[in-house]
Amino acid sequence: MGLLQARKLTASSWPLLLLSGLSVSIGWGIRGQFGHEYGAALAGALAGMVIALLSGREDWQQRVHNFAFFGTVGIAFGGGMSYTKTVAYARSSDPVRGF
């Protein structure tokens, strides 16, 4: 068996997926009130915490603060970078460069 073997979704996986998606959508909805990177950071923190707490793994639950931090950083930077490109392409007169 290889390291990249795909896990099958079981009946217990669906609540984790559903609540993770719901937490990101709530955080993303709040994002509009706080700005781009700051609001996206909230969505990332919520997603990281939900995944860690509902995973059923005790070692992940003890490190929930790490999941929140890395979720915050990842989605804040990623969301900021992708949003900047989208706005730049929409407002630019040169579709190749975007700026």
PDB file of N, CA and C in Angstrom:
ATOM      1  N   MET A   1       0.838  -1.182   0.000  1.00  0.00           N
ATOM      2  CA  MET A   1       0.000   0.000   0.000  1.00  0.00           C
ATOM      3  C   MET A   1       0.887   1.251   0.000  1.00  0.00           C
ATOM      4  N   GLY A   2       0.547   2.210  -0.823  1.00  0.00           N
ATOM      5  CA  GLY A   2       1.341   3.424  -0.940  1.00  0.00           C
ATOM      6  C   GLY A   2       0.968   4.463   0.106  1.00  0.00           C
ATOM      7  N   LEU A   3       1.803   5.476   0.210  1.00  0.00           N
ATOM      8  CA  LEU A   3       1.555   6.547   1.162  1.00  0.00           C
ATOM      9  C   LEU A   3       0.376   7.416   0.760  1.00  0.00           C
ATOM     10  N   LEU A   4       0.087   7.474  -0.514  1.00  0.00           N
ATOM     11  CA  LEU A   4      -0.977   8.350  -1.003  1.00  0.00           C
ATOM     12  C   LEU A   4      -2.289   7.619  -1.250  1.00  0.00           C
ATOM     13  N   GLN A   5      -2.518   6.570  -0.519  1.00  0.00           N
ATOM     14  CA  GLN A   5      -3.754   5.816  -0.691  1.00  0.00           C
ATOM     15  C   GLN A   5      -4.942   6.672  -0.237  1.00  0.00           C
ATOM     16  N   ALA A   6      -5.952   6.743  -1.053  1.00  0.00           N
ATOM     17  CA  ALA A   6      -7.124   7.560  -0.734  1.00  0.00           C
ATOM     18  C   ALA A   6      -7.984   6.859   0.310  1.00  0.00           C
ATOM     19  N   ARG A   7      -8.454   7.652   1.267  1.00  0.00           N
ATOM     20  CA  ARG A   7      -9.356   7.116   2.277  1.00  0.00           C
ATOM     21  C   ARG A   7     -10.785   7.209   1.762  1.00  0.00           C
ATOM     22  N   LYS A   8     -11.573   6.220   2.081  1.00  0.00           N
ATOM     23  CA  LYS A   8     -12.980   6.239   1.695  1.00  0.00           C
ATOM     24  C   LYS A   8     -13.755   7.103   2.680  1.00  0.00           C
ATOM     25  N   LEU A   9     -14.744   7.808   2.148  1.00  0.00           N
ATOM     26  CA  LEU A   9     -15.607   8.584   3.020  1.00  0.00           C
ATOM     27  C   LEU A   9     -16.598   7.651   3.688  1.00  0.00           C
ATOM     28  N   THR A  10     -16.607   7.687   4.978  1.00  0.00           N
ATOM     29  CA  THR A  10     -17.537   6.855   5.736  1.00  0.00           C
ATOM     30  C   THR A  10     -18.674   7.741   6.232  1.00  0.00           C
ATOM     31  N   ALA A  11     -19.623   7.123   6.878  1.00  0.00           N
ATOM     32  CA  ALA A  11     -20.758   7.881   7.409  1.00  0.00           C
ATOM     33  C   ALA A  11     -20.310   8.879   8.465  1.00  0.00           C
ATOM     34  N   SER A  12     -19.248   8.574   9.196  1.00  0.00           N
ATOM     35  CA  SER A  12     -18.771   9.504  10.217  1.00  0.00           C
ATOM     36  C   SER A  12     -17.959  10.650   9.632  1.00  0.00           C
ATOM     37  N   SER A  13     -17.565  10.571   8.359  1.00  0.00           N
ATOM     38  CA  SER A  13     -16.801  11.649   7.726  1.00  0.00           C
ATOM     39  C   SER A  13     -17.686  12.810   7.290  1.00  0.00           C
ATOM     40  N   TRP A  14     -18.932  12.544   6.975  1.00  0.00           N
ATOM     41  CA  TRP A  14     -19.804  13.588   6.452  1.00  0.00           C
ATOM     42  C   TRP A  14     -20.047  14.729   7.427  1.00  0.00           C
ATOM     43  N   PRO A  15     -20.277  14.484   8.729  1.00  0.00           N
ATOM     44  CA  PRO A  15     -20.443  15.639   9.633  1.00  0.00           C
ATOM     45  C   PRO A  15     -19.200  16.523   9.687  1.00  0.00           C
ATOM     46  N   LEU A  16     -18.022  15.928   9.633  1.00  0.00           N
ATOM     47  CA  LEU A  16     -16.788  16.708   9.634  1.00  0.00           C
ATOM     48  C   LEU A  16     -16.710  17.585   8.396  1.00  0.00           C
ATOM     49  N   LEU A  17     -17.003  17.010   7.232  1.00  0.00           N
ATOM     50  CA  LEU A  17     -16.975  17.788   5.996  1.00  0.00           C
ATOM     51  C   LEU A  17     -18.036  18.891   6.000  1.00  0.00           C
ATOM     52  N   LEU A  18     -19.211  18.567   6.441  1.00  0.00           N
ATOM     53  CA  LEU A  18     -20.302  19.532   6.453  1.00  0.00           C
ATOM     54  C   LEU A  18     -20.025  20.686   7.409  1.00  0.00           C
ATOM     55  N   LEU A  19     -19.593  20.376   8.633  1.00  0.00           N
ATOM     56  CA  LEU A  19     -19.336  21.428   9.607  1.00  0.00           C
ATOM     57  C   LEU A  19     -18.099  22.243   9.260  1.00  0.00           C
ATOM     58  N   SER A  20     -17.127  21.634   8.623  1.00  0.00           N
ATOM     59  CA  SER A  20     -15.951  22.391   8.161  1.00  0.00           C
ATOM     60  C   SER A  20     -16.359  23.403   7.106  1.00  0.00           C
ATOM     61  N   GLY A  21     -17.142  22.956   6.149  1.00  0.00           N
ATOM     62  CA  GLY A  21     -17.625  23.868   5.116  1.00  0.00           C
ATOM     63  C   GLY A  21     -18.522  24.962   5.676  1.00  0.00           C
ATOM     64  N   LEU A  22     -19.354  24.614   6.628  1.00  0.00           N
ATOM     65  CA  LEU A  22     -20.234  25.599   7.249  1.00  0.00           C
ATOM     66  C   LEU A  22     -19.435  26.634   8.027  1.00  0.00           C
ATOM     67  N   SER A  23     -18.398  26.197   8.737  1.00  0.00           N
ATOM     68  CA  SER A  23     -17.584  27.147   9.501  1.00  0.00           C
ATOM     69  C   SER A  23     -16.855  28.113   8.578  1.00  0.00           C
ATOM     70  N   VAL A  24     -16.355  27.614   7.449  1.00  0.00           N
ATOM     71  CA  VAL A  24     -15.692  28.503   6.494  1.00  0.00           C
ATOM     72  C   VAL A  24     -16.700  29.475   5.889  1.00  0.00           C
ATOM     73  N   SER A  25     -17.898  29.013   5.595  1.00  0.00           N
ATOM     74  CA  SER A  25     -18.892  29.910   4.997  1.00  0.00           C
ATOM     75  C   SER A  25     -19.334  30.991   5.979  1.00  0.00           C
ATOM     76  N   ILE A  26     -19.440  30.652   7.249  1.00  0.00           N
ATOM     77  CA  ILE A  26     -19.789  31.667   8.254  1.00  0.00           C
ATOM     78  C   ILE A  26     -18.648  32.669   8.392  1.00  0.00           C
ATOM     79  N   GLY A  27     -17.421  32.159   8.470  1.00  0.00           N
ATOM     80  CA  GLY A  27     -16.266  33.050   8.548  1.00  0.00           C
ATOM     81  C   GLY A  27     -16.136  33.928   7.327  1.00  0.00           C
ATOM     82  N   TRP A  28     -16.421  33.371   6.156  1.00  0.00           N
ATOM     83  CA  TRP A  28     -16.327  34.143   4.917  1.00  0.00           C
ATOM     84  C   TRP A  28     -17.427  35.192   4.853  1.00  0.00           C
ATOM     85  N   GLY A  29     -18.579  34.895   5.436  1.00  0.00           N
ATOM     86  CA  GLY A  29     -19.650  35.886   5.491  1.00  0.00           C
ATOM     87  C   GLY A  29     -19.298  37.045   6.405  1.00  0.00           C
ATOM     88  N   ILE A  30     -18.620  36.767   7.497  1.00  0.00           N
ATOM     89  CA  ILE A  30     -18.174  37.806   8.421  1.00  0.00           C
ATOM     90  C   ILE A  30     -17.038  38.617   7.812  1.00  0.00           C
ATOM     91  N   ARG A  31     -16.344  38.024   6.862  1.00  0.00           N
ATOM     92  CA  ARG A  31     -15.189  38.649   6.213  1.00  0.00           C
ATOM     93  C   ARG A  31     -15.504  40.029   5.665  1.00  0.00           C
ATOM     94  N   GLY A  32     -16.684  40.214   5.149  1.00  0.00           N
ATOM     95  CA  GLY A  32     -17.058  41.495   4.573  1.00  0.00           C
ATOM     96  C   GLY A  32     -17.072  42.639   5.577  1.00  0.00           C
ATOM     97  N   GLN A  33     -17.219  42.332   6.850  1.00  0.00           N
ATOM     98  CA  GLN A  33     -17.257  43.371   7.876  1.00  0.00           C
ATOM     99  C   GLN A  33     -15.868  43.788   8.354  1.00  0.00           C
ATOM    100  N   PHE A  34     -14.858  42.944   8.140  1.00  0.00           N
ATOM    101  CA  PHE A  34     -13.530  43.200   8.699  1.00  0.00           C
ATOM    102  C   PHE A  34     -12.467  43.480   7.660  1.00  0.00           C
ATOM    103  N   GLY A  35     -12.740  43.333   6.424  1.00  0.00           N
ATOM    104  CA  GLY A  35     -11.731  43.541   5.401  1.00  0.00           C
ATOM    105  C   GLY A  35     -11.263  42.227   4.819  1.00  0.00           C
ATOM    106  N   HIS A  36     -10.338  42.329   3.915  1.00  0.00           N
ATOM    107  CA  HIS A  36      -9.966  41.179   3.111  1.00  0.00           C
ATOM    108  C   HIS A  36      -9.130  40.158   3.883  1.00  0.00           C
ATOM    109  N   GLU A  37      -7.900  40.488   4.252  1.00  0.00           N
ATOM    110  CA  GLU A  37      -7.047  39.507   4.899  1.00  0.00           C
ATOM    111  C   GLU A  37      -7.508  39.193   6.321  1.00  0.00           C
ATOM    112  N   TYR A  38      -7.947  40.231   7.050  1.00  0.00           N
ATOM    113  CA  TYR A  38      -8.386  40.003   8.423  1.00  0.00           C
ATOM    114  C   TYR A  38      -9.633  39.129   8.480  1.00  0.00           C
ATOM    115  N   GLY A  39     -10.553  39.380   7.603  1.00  0.00           N
ATOM    116  CA  GLY A  39     -11.763  38.571   7.561  1.00  0.00           C
ATOM    117  C   GLY A  39     -11.507  37.153   7.090  1.00  0.00           C
ATOM    118  N   ALA A  40     -10.609  37.008   6.111  1.00  0.00           N
ATOM    119  CA  ALA A  40     -10.267  35.670   5.636  1.00  0.00           C
ATOM    120  C   ALA A  40      -9.543  34.884   6.724  1.00  0.00           C
ATOM    121  N   ALA A  41      -8.782  35.574   7.566  1.00  0.00           N
ATOM    122  CA  ALA A  41      -8.084  34.918   8.669  1.00  0.00           C
ATOM    123  C   ALA A  41      -9.084  34.282   9.630  1.00  0.00           C
ATOM    124  N   LEU A  42     -10.204  34.931   9.844  1.00  0.00           N
ATOM    125  CA  LEU A  42     -11.235  34.371  10.730  1.00  0.00           C
ATOM    126  C   LEU A  42     -11.801  33.080  10.148  1.00  0.00           C
ATOM    127  N   ALA A  43     -12.054  33.064   8.858  1.00  0.00           N
ATOM    128  CA  ALA A  43     -12.564  31.843   8.219  1.00  0.00           C
ATOM    129  C   ALA A  43     -11.544  30.714   8.330  1.00  0.00           C
ATOM    130  N   GLY A  44     -10.274  31.015   8.153  1.00  0.00           N
ATOM    131  CA  GLY A  44      -9.232  29.998   8.268  1.00  0.00           C
ATOM    132  C   GLY A  44      -9.102  29.455   9.681  1.00  0.00           C
ATOM    133  N   ALA A  45      -9.200  30.341  10.664  1.00  0.00           N
ATOM    134  CA  ALA A  45      -9.119  29.898  12.061  1.00  0.00           C
ATOM    135  C   ALA A  45     -10.288  28.985  12.416  1.00  0.00           C
ATOM    136  N   LEU A  46     -11.481  29.356  11.987  1.00  0.00           N
ATOM    137  CA  LEU A  46     -12.651  28.515  12.262  1.00  0.00           C
ATOM    138  C   LEU A  46     -12.522  27.143  11.605  1.00  0.00           C
ATOM    139  N   ALA A  47     -12.064  27.120  10.374  1.00  0.00           N
ATOM    140  CA  ALA A  47     -11.916  25.841   9.676  1.00  0.00           C
ATOM    141  C   ALA A  47     -10.879  24.961  10.369  1.00  0.00           C
ATOM    142  N   GLY A  48      -9.750  25.535  10.735  1.00  0.00           N
ATOM    143  CA  GLY A  48      -8.715  24.765  11.414  1.00  0.00           C
ATOM    144  C   GLY A  48      -9.186  24.195  12.736  1.00  0.00           C
ATOM    145  N   MET A  49      -9.912  25.001  13.502  1.00  0.00           N
ATOM    146  CA  MET A  49     -10.398  24.530  14.806  1.00  0.00           C
ATOM    147  C   MET A  49     -11.433  23.427  14.650  1.00  0.00           C
ATOM    148  N   VAL A  50     -12.352  23.581  13.708  1.00  0.00           N
ATOM    149  CA  VAL A  50     -13.388  22.559  13.507  1.00  0.00           C
ATOM    150  C   VAL A  50     -12.764  21.242  13.071  1.00  0.00           C
ATOM    151  N   ILE A  51     -11.820  21.299  12.151  1.00  0.00           N
ATOM    152  CA  ILE A  51     -11.176  20.074  11.681  1.00  0.00           C
ATOM    153  C   ILE A  51     -10.440  19.388  12.812  1.00  0.00           C
ATOM    154  N   ALA A  52      -9.711  20.153  13.619  1.00  0.00           N
ATOM    155  CA  ALA A  52      -8.958  19.557  14.724  1.00  0.00           C
ATOM    156  C   ALA A  52      -9.887  18.973  15.786  1.00  0.00           C
ATOM    157  N   LEU A  53     -10.933  19.708  16.141  1.00  0.00           N
ATOM    158  CA  LEU A  53     -11.806  19.256  17.223  1.00  0.00           C
ATOM    159  C   LEU A  53     -12.701  18.086  16.832  1.00  0.00           C
ATOM    160  N   LEU A  54     -13.148  18.039  15.593  1.00  0.00           N
ATOM    161  CA  LEU A  54     -14.060  16.980  15.176  1.00  0.00           C
ATOM    162  C   LEU A  54     -13.365  15.792  14.525  1.00  0.00           C
ATOM    163  N   SER A  55     -12.049  15.828  14.447  1.00  0.00           N
ATOM    164  CA  SER A  55     -11.326  14.744  13.790  1.00  0.00           C
ATOM    165  C   SER A  55     -11.373  13.441  14.571  1.00  0.00           C
ATOM    166  N   GLY A  56     -11.567  13.529  15.871  1.00  0.00           N
ATOM    167  CA  GLY A  56     -11.557  12.332  16.697  1.00  0.00           C
ATOM    168  C   GLY A  56     -10.159  11.911  17.126  1.00  0.00           C
ATOM    169  N   ARG A  57      -9.160  12.643  16.712  1.00  0.00           N
ATOM    170  CA  ARG A  57      -7.779  12.334  17.081  1.00  0.00           C
ATOM    171  C   ARG A  57      -7.378  13.192  18.272  1.00  0.00           C
ATOM    172  N   GLU A  58      -6.978  12.546  19.325  1.00  0.00           N
ATOM    173  CA  GLU A  58      -6.634  13.255  20.552  1.00  0.00           C
ATOM    174  C   GLU A  58      -5.407  14.146  20.362  1.00  0.00           C
ATOM    175  N   ASP A  59      -4.434  13.691  19.560  1.00  0.00           N
ATOM    176  CA  ASP A  59      -3.239  14.510  19.337  1.00  0.00           C
ATOM    177  C   ASP A  59      -3.563  15.779  18.563  1.00  0.00           C
ATOM    178  N   TRP A  60      -4.528  15.730  17.657  1.00  0.00           N
ATOM    179  CA  TRP A  60      -4.943  16.933  16.928  1.00  0.00           C
ATOM    180  C   TRP A  60      -5.735  17.858  17.847  1.00  0.00           C
ATOM    181  N   GLN A  61      -6.566  17.294  18.695  1.00  0.00           N
ATOM    182  CA  GLN A  61      -7.373  18.104  19.597  1.00  0.00           C
ATOM    183  C   GLN A  61      -6.508  18.854  20.600  1.00  0.00           C
ATOM    184  N   GLN A  62      -5.400  18.274  21.000  1.00  0.00           N
ATOM    185  CA  GLN A  62      -4.484  18.958  21.911  1.00  0.00           C
ATOM    186  C   GLN A  62      -3.731  20.082  21.217  1.00  0.00           C
ATOM    187  N   ARG A  63      -3.634  20.022  19.909  1.00  0.00           N
ATOM    188  CA  ARG A  63      -2.922  21.040  19.135  1.00  0.00           C
ATOM    189  C   ARG A  63      -3.881  21.925  18.327  1.00  0.00           C
ATOM    190  N   VAL A  64      -5.050  22.150  18.853  1.00  0.00           N
ATOM    191  CA  VAL A  64      -6.050  22.930  18.124  1.00  0.00           C
ATOM    192  C   VAL A  64      -5.542  24.340  17.834  1.00  0.00           C
ATOM    193  N   HIS A  65      -4.735  24.895  18.718  1.00  0.00           N
ATOM    194  CA  HIS A  65      -4.200  26.237  18.484  1.00  0.00           C
ATOM    195  C   HIS A  65      -3.282  26.270  17.259  1.00  0.00           C
ATOM    196  N   ASN A  66      -2.545  25.188  16.996  1.00  0.00           N
ATOM    197  CA  ASN A  66      -1.708  25.126  15.793  1.00  0.00           C
ATOM    198  C   ASN A  66      -2.561  25.096  14.531  1.00  0.00           C
ATOM    199  N   PHE A  67      -3.629  24.307  14.566  1.00  0.00           N
ATOM    200  CA  PHE A  67      -4.532  24.240  13.412  1.00  0.00           C
ATOM    201  C   PHE A  67      -5.171  25.594  13.153  1.00  0.00           C
ATOM    202  N   ALA A  68      -5.562  26.288  14.222  1.00  0.00           N
ATOM    203  CA  ALA A  68      -6.163  27.618  14.056  1.00  0.00           C
ATOM    204  C   ALA A  68      -5.147  28.597  13.474  1.00  0.00           C
ATOM    205  N   PHE A  69      -3.920  28.551  13.969  1.00  0.00           N
ATOM    206  CA  PHE A  69      -2.897  29.481  13.483  1.00  0.00           C
ATOM    207  C   PHE A  69      -2.581  29.246  12.013  1.00  0.00           C
ATOM    208  N   PHE A  70      -2.307  27.996  11.649  1.00  0.00           N
ATOM    209  CA  PHE A  70      -1.933  27.723  10.268  1.00  0.00           C
ATOM    210  C   PHE A  70      -3.109  27.897   9.306  1.00  0.00           C
ATOM    211  N   GLY A  71      -4.321  27.624   9.762  1.00  0.00           N
ATOM    212  CA  GLY A  71      -5.494  27.911   8.941  1.00  0.00           C
ATOM    213  C   GLY A  71      -5.658  29.406   8.716  1.00  0.00           C
ATOM    214  N   THR A  72      -5.392  30.184   9.765  1.00  0.00           N
ATOM    215  CA  THR A  72      -5.466  31.643   9.660  1.00  0.00           C
ATOM    216  C   THR A  72      -4.459  32.174   8.656  1.00  0.00           C
ATOM    217  N   VAL A  73      -3.222  31.759   8.807  1.00  0.00           N
ATOM    218  CA  VAL A  73      -2.158  32.251   7.926  1.00  0.00           C
ATOM    219  C   VAL A  73      -2.394  31.811   6.485  1.00  0.00           C
ATOM    220  N   GLY A  74      -2.742  30.551   6.292  1.00  0.00           N
ATOM    221  CA  GLY A  74      -2.918  30.030   4.944  1.00  0.00           C
ATOM    222  C   GLY A  74      -4.046  30.698   4.184  1.00  0.00           C
ATOM    223  N   ILE A  75      -5.184  30.818   4.803  1.00  0.00           N
ATOM    224  CA  ILE A  75      -6.322  31.390   4.087  1.00  0.00           C
ATOM    225  C   ILE A  75      -6.193  32.907   3.977  1.00  0.00           C
ATOM    226  N   ALA A  76      -5.588  33.561   4.971  1.00  0.00           N
ATOM    227  CA  ALA A  76      -5.411  35.016   4.880  1.00  0.00           C
ATOM    228  C   ALA A  76      -4.478  35.378   3.733  1.00  0.00           C
ATOM    229  N   PHE A  77      -3.325  34.724   3.648  1.00  0.00           N
ATOM    230  CA  PHE A  77      -2.397  35.020   2.557  1.00  0.00           C
ATOM    231  C   PHE A  77      -2.945  34.551   1.216  1.00  0.00           C
ATOM    232  N   GLY A  78      -3.464  33.337   1.174  1.00  0.00           N
ATOM    233  CA  GLY A  78      -4.003  32.808  -0.081  1.00  0.00           C
ATOM    234  C   GLY A  78      -5.187  33.604  -0.573  1.00  0.00           C
ATOM    235  N   GLY A  79      -6.085  33.970   0.330  1.00  0.00           N
ATOM    236  CA  GLY A  79      -7.238  34.768  -0.054  1.00  0.00           C
ATOM    237  C   GLY A  79      -6.846  36.154  -0.522  1.00  0.00           C
ATOM    238  N   GLY A  80      -5.870  36.748   0.155  1.00  0.00           N
ATOM    239  CA  GLY A  80      -5.402  38.065  -0.244  1.00  0.00           C
ATOM    240  C   GLY A  80      -4.740  38.049  -1.604  1.00  0.00           C
ATOM    241  N   MET A  81      -3.929  37.040  -1.843  1.00  0.00           N
ATOM    242  CA  MET A  81      -3.229  36.975  -3.134  1.00  0.00           C
ATOM    243  C   MET A  81      -4.197  36.699  -4.275  1.00  0.00           C
ATOM    244  N   SER A  82      -5.138  35.783  -4.073  1.00  0.00           N
ATOM    245  CA  SER A  82      -6.057  35.467  -5.160  1.00  0.00           C
ATOM    246  C   SER A  82      -7.031  36.620  -5.412  1.00  0.00           C
ATOM    247  N   TYR A  83      -7.445  37.318  -4.369  1.00  0.00           N
ATOM    248  CA  TYR A  83      -8.368  38.438  -4.539  1.00  0.00           C
ATOM    249  C   TYR A  83      -7.684  39.579  -5.286  1.00  0.00           C
ATOM    250  N   THR A  84      -6.430  39.836  -4.957  1.00  0.00           N
ATOM    251  CA  THR A  84      -5.696  40.897  -5.633  1.00  0.00           C
ATOM    252  C   THR A  84      -5.601  40.619  -7.122  1.00  0.00           C
ATOM    253  N   LYS A  85      -5.296  39.400  -7.496  1.00  0.00           N
ATOM    254  CA  LYS A  85      -5.204  39.055  -8.917  1.00  0.00           C
ATOM    255  C   LYS A  85      -6.556  39.225  -9.610  1.00  0.00           C
ATOM    256  N   THR A  86      -7.611  38.803  -8.969  1.00  0.00           N
ATOM    257  CA  THR A  86      -8.936  38.902  -9.576  1.00  0.00           C
ATOM    258  C   THR A  86      -9.306  40.355  -9.846  1.00  0.00           C
ATOM    259  N   VAL A  87      -9.097  41.215  -8.857  1.00  0.00           N
ATOM    260  CA  VAL A  87      -9.428  42.626  -9.031  1.00  0.00           C
ATOM    261  C   VAL A  87      -8.522  43.254 -10.076  1.00  0.00           C
ATOM    262  N   ALA A  88      -7.249  42.899 -10.076  1.00  0.00           N
ATOM    263  CA  ALA A  88      -6.311  43.468 -11.045  1.00  0.00           C
ATOM    264  C   ALA A  88      -6.706  43.085 -12.471  1.00  0.00           C
ATOM    265  N   TYR A  89      -7.090  41.839 -12.695  1.00  0.00           N
ATOM    266  CA  TYR A  89      -7.503  41.431 -14.037  1.00  0.00           C
ATOM    267  C   TYR A  89      -8.800  42.112 -14.456  1.00  0.00           C
ATOM    268  N   ALA A  90      -9.685  42.333 -13.520  1.00  0.00           N
ATOM    269  CA  ALA A  90     -10.955  42.959 -13.850  1.00  0.00           C
ATOM    270  C   ALA A  90     -10.798  44.436 -14.191  1.00  0.00           C
ATOM    271  N   ARG A  91      -9.843  45.104 -13.569  1.00  0.00           N
ATOM    272  CA  ARG A  91      -9.668  46.545 -13.773  1.00  0.00           C
ATOM    273  C   ARG A  91      -8.599  46.901 -14.798  1.00  0.00           C
ATOM    274  N   SER A  92      -7.845  45.940 -15.252  1.00  0.00           N
ATOM    275  CA  SER A  92      -6.727  46.233 -16.140  1.00  0.00           C
ATOM    276  C   SER A  92      -7.179  46.334 -17.591  1.00  0.00           C
ATOM    277  N   SER A  93      -6.446  47.166 -18.325  1.00  0.00           N
ATOM    278  CA  SER A  93      -6.707  47.244 -19.755  1.00  0.00           C
ATOM    279  C   SER A  93      -5.846  46.246 -20.517  1.00  0.00           C
ATOM    280  N   ASP A  94      -4.897  45.617 -19.828  1.00  0.00           N
ATOM    281  CA  ASP A  94      -4.000  44.626 -20.452  1.00  0.00           C
ATOM    282  C   ASP A  94      -4.264  43.261 -19.821  1.00  0.00           C
ATOM    283  N   PRO A  95      -5.009  42.368 -20.508  1.00  0.00           N
ATOM    284  CA  PRO A  95      -5.369  41.078 -19.910  1.00  0.00           C
ATOM    285  C   PRO A  95      -4.198  40.138 -19.694  1.00  0.00           C
ATOM    286  N   VAL A  96      -3.073  40.365 -20.365  1.00  0.00           N
ATOM    287  CA  VAL A  96      -1.921  39.468 -20.217  1.00  0.00           C
ATOM    288  C   VAL A  96      -1.219  39.732 -18.892  1.00  0.00           C
ATOM    289  N   ARG A  97      -0.951  40.988 -18.590  1.00  0.00           N
ATOM    290  CA  ARG A  97      -0.217  41.328 -17.369  1.00  0.00           C
ATOM    291  C   ARG A  97      -1.137  41.443 -16.154  1.00  0.00           C
ATOM    292  N   GLY A  98      -2.298  41.961 -16.325  1.00  0.00           N
ATOM    293  CA  GLY A  98      -3.224  42.078 -15.224  1.00  0.00           C
ATOM    294  C   GLY A  98      -3.034  43.305 -14.364  1.00  0.00           C
ATOM    295  N   PHE A  99      -1.938  44.023 -14.537  1.00  0.00           N
ATOM    296  CA  PHE A  99      -1.712  45.220 -13.699  1.00  0.00           C
ATOM    297  C   PHE A  99      -1.448  46.422 -14.551  1.00  0.00           C
TER     298      PHE A  99
END
